[in-house]
C-alpha atoms as a PDB file:
ATOM      1  CA  MET A   1      43.227  -1.031   4.958  1.00  0.00           C
ATOM      2  CA  ASN A   2      41.125  -0.780   1.795  1.00  0.00           C
ATOM      3  CA  LYS A   3      39.786  -4.279   2.362  1.00  0.00           C
ATOM      4  CA  TYR A   4      38.843  -3.276   5.893  1.00  0.00           C
ATOM      5  CA  PHE A   5      36.804  -0.291   4.686  1.00  0.00           C
ATOM      6  CA  ILE A   6      35.143  -2.401   2.002  1.00  0.00           C
ATOM      7  CA  TYR A   7      34.200  -4.957   4.643  1.00  0.00           C
ATOM      8  CA  ILE A   8      32.779  -2.306   6.990  1.00  0.00           C
ATOM      9  CA  GLY A   9      30.961  -0.672   4.074  1.00  0.00           C
ATOM     10  CA  GLY A  10      29.365  -3.986   3.201  1.00  0.00           C
ATOM     11  CA  ILE A  11      28.132  -4.466   6.763  1.00  0.00           C
ATOM     12  CA  VAL A  12      26.682  -0.948   6.880  1.00  0.00           C
ATOM     13  CA  ALA A  13      24.929  -1.429   3.523  1.00  0.00           C
ATOM     14  CA  ALA A  14      23.431  -4.733   4.652  1.00  0.00           C
ATOM     15  CA  PHE A  15      22.280  -3.154   7.920  1.00  0.00           C
ATOM     16  CA  VAL A  16      20.644  -0.209   6.157  1.00  0.00           C
ATOM     17  CA  GLY A  17      18.994  -2.576   3.676  1.00  0.00           C
ATOM     18  CA  ALA A  18      17.613  -4.707   6.506  1.00  0.00           C
ATOM     19  CA  ILE A  19      16.128  -1.649   8.215  1.00  0.00           C
ATOM     20  CA  ALA A  20      14.548  -0.460   4.954  1.00  0.00           C
ATOM     21  CA  PHE A  21      13.072  -3.916   4.327  1.00  0.00           C
ATOM     22  CA  GLN A  22      11.678  -4.049   7.865  1.00  0.00           C
ATOM     23  CA  GLN A  23      10.103  -0.606   7.453  1.00  0.00           C
ATOM     24  CA  VAL A  24       8.454  -1.608   4.180  1.00  0.00           C
ATOM     25  CA  SER A  25       7.254  -4.948   5.553  1.00  0.00           C
ATOM     26  CA  GLN A  26       5.566  -3.127   8.443  1.00  0.00           C
ATOM     27  CA  LEU A  27       3.505  -0.957   6.082  1.00  0.00           C
ATOM     28  CA  PRO A  28      -0.135  -1.984   5.541  1.00  0.00           C
ATOM     29  CA  GLN A  29      -0.449  -4.498   2.718  1.00  0.00           C
ATOM     30  CA  PRO A  30      -3.144  -4.434  -0.008  1.00  0.00           C
ATOM     31  CA  GLU A  31      -6.167  -6.468   1.035  1.00  0.00           C
ATOM     32  CA  HIS A  32      -8.237  -6.728  -2.139  1.00  0.00           C
ATOM     33  CA  ALA A  33      -5.985  -6.355  -5.197  1.00  0.00           C
ATOM     34  CA  LEU A  34      -3.725  -9.010  -6.652  1.00  0.00           C
ATOM     35  CA  TYR A  35      -0.480  -7.294  -5.632  1.00  0.00           C
ATOM     36  CA  TYR A  36       2.893  -8.212  -7.130  1.00  0.00           C
ATOM     37  CA  GLN A  37       5.719  -7.696  -4.652  1.00  0.00           C
ATOM     38  CA  GLN A  38       8.001  -8.153  -7.643  1.00  0.00           C
ATOM     39  CA  PRO A  39       6.340  -6.032 -10.361  1.00  0.00           C
ATOM     40  CA  ARG A  40       5.806  -7.721 -13.735  1.00  0.00           C
ATOM     41  CA  LYS A  41       7.614  -6.352 -16.753  1.00  0.00           C
ATOM     42  CA  ILE A  42       5.726  -4.820 -19.654  1.00  0.00           C
ATOM     43  CA  LYS A  43       7.184  -5.517 -23.068  1.00  0.00           C
ATOM     44  CA  ALA A  44       7.719  -2.784 -25.637  1.00  0.00           C
ATOM     45  CA  PHE A  45       4.513  -1.699 -27.367  1.00  0.00           C
ATOM     46  CA  GLU A  46       3.186   1.186 -29.423  1.00  0.00           C
ATOM     47  CA  LEU A  47      -0.416   2.367 -29.450  1.00  0.00           C
ATOM     48  CA  THR A  48      -2.085   5.630 -30.492  1.00  0.00           C
ATOM     49  CA  ASP A  49      -3.977   7.872 -28.071  1.00  0.00           C
ATOM     50  CA  HIS A  50      -7.213   9.699 -28.862  1.00  0.00           C
ATOM     51  CA  HIS A  51      -5.215  12.832 -29.691  1.00  0.00           C
ATOM     52  CA  ALA A  52      -3.529  10.853 -32.507  1.00  0.00           C
ATOM     53  CA  LYS A  53      -0.223  10.835 -30.612  1.00  0.00           C
ATOM     54  CA  ARG A  54       2.061   7.853 -30.161  1.00  0.00           C
ATOM     55  CA  PHE A  55       1.726   6.113 -26.804  1.00  0.00           C
ATOM     56  CA  ASN A  56       4.358   3.646 -25.642  1.00  0.00           C
ATOM     57  CA  LYS A  57       6.302   2.733 -22.498  1.00  0.00           C
ATOM     58  CA  GLU A  58       7.719   6.244 -22.273  1.00  0.00           C
ATOM     59  CA  GLN A  59       4.240   7.568 -21.495  1.00  0.00           C
ATOM     60  CA  LEU A  60       4.012   5.163 -18.546  1.00  0.00           C
ATOM     61  CA  GLN A  61       7.186   6.433 -16.941  1.00  0.00           C
ATOM     62  CA  GLY A  62       6.662   8.602 -13.877  1.00  0.00           C
ATOM     63  CA  LYS A  63       2.925   7.825 -13.733  1.00  0.00           C
ATOM     64  CA  TRP A  64       0.612   5.586 -11.774  1.00  0.00           C
ATOM     65  CA  SER A  65      -1.557   4.185 -14.572  1.00  0.00           C
ATOM     66  CA  LEU A  66      -4.869   2.385 -14.175  1.00  0.00           C
ATOM     67  CA  VAL A  67      -5.527   0.500 -17.410  1.00  0.00           C
ATOM     68  CA  PHE A  68      -8.948  -0.764 -18.467  1.00  0.00           C
ATOM     69  CA  LEU A  69      -9.716  -2.855 -21.551  1.00  0.00           C
ATOM     70  CA  GLY A  70     -13.068  -2.046 -23.139  1.00  0.00           C
ATOM     71  CA  TYR A  71     -14.834  -0.532 -26.148  1.00  0.00           C
ATOM     72  CA  THR A  72     -17.270   2.271 -26.908  1.00  0.00           C
ATOM     73  CA  SER A  73     -20.173  -0.008 -27.900  1.00  0.00           C
ATOM     74  CA  CYS A  74     -19.988  -1.920 -24.632  1.00  0.00           C
ATOM     75  CA  PRO A  75     -23.480  -1.957 -23.089  1.00  0.00           C
ATOM     76  CA  ASP A  76     -22.669  -2.229 -19.402  1.00  0.00           C
ATOM     77  CA  VAL A  77     -19.257  -3.022 -17.893  1.00  0.00           C
ATOM     78  CA  CYS A  78     -17.293  -0.296 -19.682  1.00  0.00           C
ATOM     79  CA  PRO A  79     -19.510   2.721 -18.962  1.00  0.00           C
ATOM     80  CA  THR A  80     -20.020   1.545 -15.381  1.00  0.00           C
ATOM     81  CA  THR A  81     -16.291   1.138 -14.761  1.00  0.00           C
ATOM     82  CA  LEU A  82     -15.318   4.416 -16.410  1.00  0.00           C
ATOM     83  CA  GLN A  83     -18.071   6.299 -14.605  1.00  0.00           C
ATOM     84  CA  ASN A  84     -16.901   4.924 -11.252  1.00  0.00           C
ATOM     85  CA  LEU A  85     -13.307   5.870 -12.067  1.00  0.00           C
ATOM     86  CA  GLY A  86     -14.513   9.350 -12.951  1.00  0.00           C
ATOM     87  CA  PHE A  87     -16.199   9.651  -9.557  1.00  0.00           C
ATOM     88  CA  ILE A  88     -13.022   8.726  -7.635  1.00  0.00           C
ATOM     89  CA  PHE A  89     -10.367  10.242  -9.896  1.00  0.00           C
ATOM     90  CA  ASP A  90      -9.838  13.214  -7.582  1.00  0.00           C
ATOM     91  CA  ASP A  91      -9.325  10.774  -4.698  1.00  0.00           C
ATOM     92  CA  LEU A  92      -6.744   8.864  -6.721  1.00  0.00           C
ATOM     93  CA  LYS A  93      -4.895  12.079  -7.577  1.00  0.00           C
ATOM     94  CA  ALA A  94      -4.953  13.089  -3.915  1.00  0.00           C
ATOM     95  CA  ILE A  95      -3.037   9.871  -3.209  1.00  0.00           C
ATOM     96  CA  ALA A  96      -0.704  10.264  -6.197  1.00  0.00           C
ATOM     97  CA  ASP A  97      -0.977  13.418  -8.278  1.00  0.00           C
ATOM     98  CA  ASN A  98       0.715  11.604 -11.159  1.00  0.00           C
ATOM     99  CA  SER A  99      -2.262   9.247 -11.595  1.00  0.00           C
ATOM    100  CA  GLN A 100      -3.703   8.555 -15.033  1.00  0.00           C
ATOM    101  CA  VAL A 101      -6.548   6.400 -16.353  1.00  0.00           C
ATOM    102  CA  LEU A 102      -6.132   4.609 -19.682  1.00  0.00           C
ATOM    103  CA  LEU A 103      -8.886   2.971 -21.709  1.00  0.00           C
ATOM    104  CA  VAL A 104      -7.539   0.522 -24.295  1.00  0.00           C
ATOM    105  CA  THR A 105     -10.166  -0.333 -26.891  1.00  0.00           C
ATOM    106  CA  ALA A 106     -10.633  -3.989 -27.727  1.00  0.00           C
ATOM    107  CA  ASP A 107     -12.620  -2.992 -30.821  1.00  0.00           C
ATOM    108  CA  PRO A 108     -10.274  -1.094 -33.146  1.00  0.00           C
ATOM    109  CA  LYS A 109     -12.484  -1.840 -36.158  1.00  0.00           C
ATOM    110  CA  ARG A 110     -15.321   0.380 -34.904  1.00  0.00           C
ATOM    111  CA  ASP A 111     -13.432   2.588 -32.446  1.00  0.00           C
ATOM    112  CA  ASP A 112     -11.587   5.150 -34.531  1.00  0.00           C
ATOM    113  CA  LEU A 113      -9.805   8.059 -32.864  1.00  0.00           C
ATOM    114  CA  ASN A 114     -12.688  10.463 -33.290  1.00  0.00           C
ATOM    115  CA  LYS A 115     -15.146   8.077 -31.656  1.00  0.00           C
ATOM    116  CA  LEU A 116     -12.735   7.349 -28.821  1.00  0.00           C
ATOM    117  CA  SER A 117     -12.132  11.044 -28.262  1.00  0.00           C
ATOM    118  CA  GLN A 118     -15.835  11.797 -27.868  1.00  0.00           C
ATOM    119  CA  TYR A 119     -16.430   8.741 -25.714  1.00  0.00           C
ATOM    120  CA  ILE A 120     -13.611   9.173 -23.204  1.00  0.00           C
ATOM    121  CA  ALA A 121     -14.281  12.902 -22.745  1.00  0.00           C
ATOM    122  CA  TYR A 122     -17.759  12.069 -21.464  1.00  0.00           C
ATOM    123  CA  PHE A 123     -16.270  10.390 -18.391  1.00  0.00           C
ATOM    124  CA  ASN A 124     -13.304  12.673 -17.685  1.00  0.00           C
ATOM    125  CA  ALA A 125     -11.345  15.110 -19.835  1.00  0.00           C
ATOM    126  CA  GLU A 126      -8.091  13.825 -18.316  1.00  0.00           C
ATOM    127  CA  PHE A 127      -8.690  10.181 -19.181  1.00  0.00           C
ATOM    128  CA  ILE A 128      -6.782   8.798 -22.167  1.00  0.00           C
ATOM    129  CA  ALA A 129      -8.173   6.374 -24.759  1.00  0.00           C
ATOM    130  CA  LEU A 130      -5.800   4.157 -26.723  1.00  0.00           C
ATOM    131  CA  ARG A 131      -6.126   2.003 -29.815  1.00  0.00           C
ATOM    132  CA  GLY A 132      -4.022  -0.338 -31.897  1.00  0.00           C
ATOM    133  CA  GLU A 133      -4.660  -3.011 -34.475  1.00  0.00           C
ATOM    134  CA  HIS A 134      -5.099  -6.569 -33.289  1.00  0.00           C
ATOM    135  CA  ASP A 135      -1.528  -7.602 -34.119  1.00  0.00           C
ATOM    136  CA  VAL A 136      -0.320  -5.058 -31.557  1.00  0.00           C
ATOM    137  CA  LEU A 137      -3.322  -5.097 -29.250  1.00  0.00           C
ATOM    138  CA  PHE A 138      -3.483  -8.827 -28.561  1.00  0.00           C
ATOM    139  CA  PRO A 139       0.093  -9.324 -27.288  1.00  0.00           C
ATOM    140  CA  PHE A 140      -0.118  -6.088 -25.298  1.00  0.00           C
ATOM    141  CA  THR A 141      -3.318  -7.062 -23.484  1.00  0.00           C
ATOM    142  CA  ARG A 142      -2.052 -10.581 -22.907  1.00  0.00           C
ATOM    143  CA  ASN A 143       1.114  -9.112 -21.371  1.00  0.00           C
ATOM    144  CA  LEU A 144      -1.118  -7.176 -18.958  1.00  0.00           C
ATOM    145  CA  GLY A 145      -2.980 -10.347 -18.003  1.00  0.00           C
ATOM    146  CA  LEU A 146      -6.140  -9.279 -19.841  1.00  0.00           C
ATOM    147  CA  MET A 147      -8.009 -10.908 -22.728  1.00  0.00           C
ATOM    148  CA  TYR A 148     -10.701 -10.225 -25.286  1.00  0.00           C
ATOM    149  CA  ALA A 149     -12.591 -12.054 -28.029  1.00  0.00           C
ATOM    150  CA  ILE A 150     -14.981 -10.986 -30.797  1.00  0.00           C
ATOM    151  CA  ASN A 151     -18.405 -12.550 -30.320  1.00  0.00           C
ATOM    152  CA  GLY A 152     -20.789 -12.511 -33.289  1.00  0.00           C
ATOM    153  CA  GLU A 153     -20.757 -11.454 -36.923  1.00  0.00           C
ATOM    154  CA  GLY A 154     -21.758  -8.418 -38.937  1.00  0.00           C
ATOM    155  CA  SER A 155     -21.630  -4.890 -37.559  1.00  0.00           C
ATOM    156  CA  ASP A 156     -23.453  -5.537 -34.296  1.00  0.00           C
ATOM    157  CA  TYR A 157     -20.986  -7.965 -32.763  1.00  0.00           C
ATOM    158  CA  LEU A 158     -20.055  -7.843 -29.083  1.00  0.00           C
ATOM    159  CA  VAL A 159     -16.562  -8.021 -27.606  1.00  0.00           C
ATOM    160  CA  ASP A 160     -16.038 -10.255 -24.600  1.00  0.00           C
ATOM    161  CA  HIS A 161     -13.268  -8.752 -22.498  1.00  0.00           C
ATOM    162  CA  SER A 162     -11.700  -8.701 -19.060  1.00  0.00           C
ATOM    163  CA  ALA A 163     -13.298  -6.313 -16.592  1.00  0.00           C
ATOM    164  CA  SER A 164     -10.216  -5.965 -14.391  1.00  0.00           C
ATOM    165  CA  LEU A 165      -8.099  -2.866 -13.858  1.00  0.00           C
ATOM    166  CA  VAL A 166      -4.338  -3.165 -14.189  1.00  0.00           C
ATOM    167  CA  LEU A 167      -2.201  -0.838 -12.085  1.00  0.00           C
ATOM    168  CA  ILE A 168       1.149   0.108 -13.602  1.00  0.00           C
ATOM    169  CA  ASN A 169       3.760   1.772 -11.400  1.00  0.00           C
ATOM    170  CA  PRO A 170       5.952   4.772 -12.345  1.00  0.00           C
ATOM    171  CA  ASP A 171       8.681   2.400 -13.557  1.00  0.00           C
ATOM    172  CA  GLY A 172       6.289   1.144 -16.221  1.00  0.00           C
ATOM    173  CA  ASN A 173       5.786  -2.269 -14.607  1.00  0.00           C
ATOM    174  CA  ILE A 174       2.614  -4.029 -13.442  1.00  0.00           C
ATOM    175  CA  ALA A 175       2.122  -3.476  -9.714  1.00  0.00           C
ATOM    176  CA  ALA A 176      -1.331  -4.975  -9.182  1.00  0.00           C
ATOM    177  CA  ILE A 177      -4.592  -6.110 -10.726  1.00  0.00           C
ATOM    178  CA  PHE A 178      -7.992  -5.102  -9.370  1.00  0.00           C
ATOM    179  CA  LYS A 179     -10.623  -7.697 -10.210  1.00  0.00           C
ATOM    180  CA  PRO A 180     -14.371  -7.008 -10.327  1.00  0.00           C
ATOM    181  CA  GLU A 181     -16.848  -8.433  -7.895  1.00  0.00           C
ATOM    182  CA  GLN A 182     -19.339 -10.835  -9.446  1.00  0.00           C
ATOM    183  CA  ALA A 183     -22.963 -10.919  -8.300  1.00  0.00           C
ATOM    184  CA  VAL A 184     -25.929 -12.618  -9.947  1.00  0.00           C
ATOM    185  CA  GLY A 185     -27.988 -10.136 -11.927  1.00  0.00           C
ATOM    186  CA  LYS A 186     -25.499  -7.287 -11.497  1.00  0.00           C
ATOM    187  CA  VAL A 187     -22.864  -5.784 -13.766  1.00  0.00           C
ATOM    188  CA  PRO A 188     -19.363  -6.877 -12.671  1.00  0.00           C
ATOM    189  CA  SER A 189     -17.726  -3.900 -10.993  1.00  0.00           C
ATOM    190  CA  ILE A 190     -14.784  -2.997  -8.814  1.00  0.00           C
ATOM    191  CA  ASP A 191     -15.664  -1.607  -5.402  1.00  0.00           C
ATOM    192  CA  SER A 192     -14.450   2.005  -5.400  1.00  0.00           C
ATOM    193  CA  ASP A 193     -13.727   2.157  -1.665  1.00  0.00           C
ATOM    194  CA  LYS A 194     -11.624  -1.002  -1.815  1.00  0.00           C
ATOM    195  CA  LEU A 195      -9.790   0.309  -4.869  1.00  0.00           C
ATOM    196  CA  ILE A 196      -8.935   3.604  -3.156  1.00  0.00           C
ATOM    197  CA  SER A 197      -7.826   1.815   0.011  1.00  0.00           C
ATOM    198  CA  ASP A 198      -5.475  -0.562  -1.797  1.00  0.00           C
ATOM    199  CA  TYR A 199      -4.288   2.134  -4.196  1.00  0.00           C
ATOM    200  CA  GLN A 200      -3.057   4.176  -1.243  1.00  0.00           C
ATOM    201  CA  LYS A 201      -1.266   1.164   0.250  1.00  0.00           C
ATOM    202  CA  ILE A 202       0.379   0.170  -3.028  1.00  0.00           C
ATOM    203  CA  VAL A 203       1.621   3.727  -3.654  1.00  0.00           C
ATOM    204  CA  ALA A 204       3.042   3.823  -0.109  1.00  0.00           C
ATOM    205  CA  LEU A 205       4.830   0.493  -0.667  1.00  0.00           C
ATOM    206  CA  TYR A 206       6.474   1.692  -3.888  1.00  0.00           C
END
């Protein structure tokens, strides 16, 4: 008798799972982002936010996090991206009220916590700026699929860095990457309307 109930239970579970899969597969799929149907794991890390508080995987839990790699001395891509995110942040929160935007500096030498605090507040008081030394920063950014490199010498060096946005789901895993559009003579940027559209679809698929 027990075996019979186990067998029936297995059939019911498989049937329910098939229905759930069919329902999810019928939802609109992201059209512009690089979407991972199997989210990518993020390894343990520890950074410091602009309030001088520890920031690790625990602070990703329960949040939809858009992560951008940049630095305060960046002449174009960083302020453009952060400004655009500031413009649409209310739209993102309307989709998921647990949304957060994280700027990770690729220039810890010049970007101390005080400088980061002043910089990030200019774009949105809710945004969070993070820093870590290169021995922590490099493996973390590589894990996210981002990269950076110091270009030049002295105090006026530039930092070449990825201009993509990484979307981390509430489980603390990478759900998608939004890549910028490239056009001759223009600053690489991510189309805000496309970002909002795919953001809504990805949240619905979660």
